[in-house]
C-alpha atoms as a PDB file:
ATOM      1  CA  UNK A   1     106.772 134.774 172.790  1.00  0.00           C
ATOM      2  CA  UNK A   2     103.265 134.996 174.283  1.00  0.00           C
ATOM      3  CA  UNK A   3     102.248 138.121 176.105  1.00  0.00           C
ATOM      4  CA  UNK A   4     102.159 138.157 179.881  1.00  0.00           C
ATOM      5  CA  UNK A   5      98.573 138.058 181.199  1.00  0.00           C
ATOM      6  CA  UNK A   6      97.184 140.746 183.480  1.00  0.00           C
ATOM      7  CA  UNK A   7      96.398 138.981 186.764  1.00  0.00           C
ATOM      8  CA  UNK A   8      96.096 139.877 190.438  1.00  0.00           C
ATOM      9  CA  UNK A   9      98.752 139.297 193.056  1.00  0.00           C
ATOM     10  CA  UNK A  10      96.603 136.588 194.666  1.00  0.00           C
ATOM     11  CA  UNK A  11      96.283 134.709 191.366  1.00  0.00           C
ATOM     12  CA  UNK A  12     100.050 134.984 190.850  1.00  0.00           C
ATOM     13  CA  UNK A  13     100.545 133.573 194.363  1.00  0.00           C
ATOM     14  CA  UNK A  14      98.332 130.554 193.560  1.00  0.00           C
ATOM     15  CA  UNK A  15     100.138 129.997 190.255  1.00  0.00           C
ATOM     16  CA  UNK A  16     103.640 130.105 191.753  1.00  0.00           C
ATOM     17  CA  UNK A  17     102.439 127.781 194.540  1.00  0.00           C
ATOM     18  CA  UNK A  18     101.449 125.249 191.861  1.00  0.00           C
ATOM     19  CA  UNK A  19     105.022 125.519 190.539  1.00  0.00           C
ATOM     20  CA  UNK A  20     106.472 124.462 193.905  1.00  0.00           C
ATOM     21  CA  UNK A  21     107.013 127.848 195.574  1.00  0.00           C
ATOM     22  CA  UNK A  22     106.017 128.150 199.241  1.00  0.00           C
ATOM     23  CA  UNK A  23     104.372 131.198 200.824  1.00  0.00           C
ATOM     24  CA  UNK A  24     106.640 131.982 203.786  1.00  0.00           C
ATOM     25  CA  UNK A  25     105.655 135.393 205.086  1.00  0.00           C
ATOM     26  CA  UNK A  26     104.094 138.750 204.377  1.00  0.00           C
ATOM     27  CA  UNK A  27     106.005 142.025 204.436  1.00  0.00           C
ATOM     28  CA  UNK A  28     103.595 144.957 204.202  1.00  0.00           C
ATOM     29  CA  UNK A  29     101.676 144.629 200.955  1.00  0.00           C
ATOM     30  CA  UNK A  30     104.057 141.993 199.547  1.00  0.00           C
ATOM     31  CA  UNK A  31     103.840 138.211 199.791  1.00  0.00           C
ATOM     32  CA  UNK A  32     107.223 136.483 200.054  1.00  0.00           C
ATOM     33  CA  UNK A  33     107.714 133.037 198.513  1.00  0.00           C
ATOM     34  CA  UNK A  34     110.664 130.672 198.716  1.00  0.00           C
ATOM     35  CA  UNK A  35     111.445 127.397 196.993  1.00  0.00           C
ATOM     36  CA  UNK A  36     113.417 124.540 198.541  1.00  0.00           C
ATOM     37  CA  UNK A  37     116.778 124.186 196.844  1.00  0.00           C
ATOM     38  CA  UNK A  38     116.839 127.749 195.494  1.00  0.00           C
ATOM     39  CA  UNK A  39     118.567 130.736 197.068  1.00  0.00           C
ATOM     40  CA  UNK A  40     116.168 133.278 195.596  1.00  0.00           C
ATOM     41  CA  UNK A  41     112.864 134.615 196.907  1.00  0.00           C
ATOM     42  CA  UNK A  42     109.874 136.028 195.078  1.00  0.00           C
ATOM     43  CA  UNK A  43     108.211 139.174 196.377  1.00  0.00           C
ATOM     44  CA  UNK A  44     104.706 139.431 194.927  1.00  0.00           C
ATOM     45  CA  UNK A  45     102.814 142.704 195.446  1.00  0.00           C
ATOM     46  CA  UNK A  46      99.258 142.138 196.680  1.00  0.00           C
ATOM     47  CA  UNK A  47      97.610 144.349 194.046  1.00  0.00           C
ATOM     48  CA  UNK A  48      94.419 143.900 192.049  1.00  0.00           C
ATOM     49  CA  UNK A  49      96.470 143.989 188.830  1.00  0.00           C
ATOM     50  CA  UNK A  50     100.204 143.370 188.529  1.00  0.00           C
ATOM     51  CA  UNK A  51     102.148 145.370 185.953  1.00  0.00           C
ATOM     52  CA  UNK A  52     103.215 143.146 183.079  1.00  0.00           C
ATOM     53  CA  UNK A  53     106.868 144.080 183.602  1.00  0.00           C
ATOM     54  CA  UNK A  54     106.676 143.117 187.271  1.00  0.00           C
ATOM     55  CA  UNK A  55     105.047 139.781 186.470  1.00  0.00           C
ATOM     56  CA  UNK A  56     107.531 139.050 183.671  1.00  0.00           C
ATOM     57  CA  UNK A  57     110.393 139.741 186.101  1.00  0.00           C
ATOM     58  CA  UNK A  58     108.879 137.380 188.694  1.00  0.00           C
ATOM     59  CA  UNK A  59     108.441 134.658 186.065  1.00  0.00           C
ATOM     60  CA  UNK A  60     112.061 135.039 184.935  1.00  0.00           C
ATOM     61  CA  UNK A  61     113.309 135.016 188.540  1.00  0.00           C
ATOM     62  CA  UNK A  62     111.333 131.823 189.261  1.00  0.00           C
ATOM     63  CA  UNK A  63     113.015 129.936 186.413  1.00  0.00           C
ATOM     64  CA  UNK A  64     109.789 129.430 184.468  1.00  0.00           C
ATOM     65  CA  UNK A  65     109.004 130.507 180.936  1.00  0.00           C
ATOM     66  CA  UNK A  66     105.958 132.625 180.160  1.00  0.00           C
ATOM     67  CA  UNK A  67     104.349 129.624 178.434  1.00  0.00           C
ATOM     68  CA  UNK A  68     104.867 127.396 181.482  1.00  0.00           C
ATOM     69  CA  UNK A  69     103.448 130.085 183.759  1.00  0.00           C
ATOM     70  CA  UNK A  70     100.353 130.536 181.575  1.00  0.00           C
ATOM     71  CA  UNK A  71      99.756 126.762 181.579  1.00  0.00           C
ATOM     72  CA  UNK A  72      99.897 126.758 185.397  1.00  0.00           C
ATOM     73  CA  UNK A  73      97.315 129.549 185.706  1.00  0.00           C
ATOM     74  CA  UNK A  74      94.443 127.445 184.385  1.00  0.00           C
END
């Protein structure tokens, strides 16, 4: 399993947007994303660097694999 990259919250937002997630609102320092057809939401902290555990949890919650997420970054 590849390691989770260290990226910013803004870069994570752009990557999840490429995967079909939609930025719906902001709640404090968190960006909230939803995806049509899914009952779950993603809450991405707007930090300069996301903890790898936080990012891995977001990737798992989105239904992507780490490999798919990494391919969407670039």
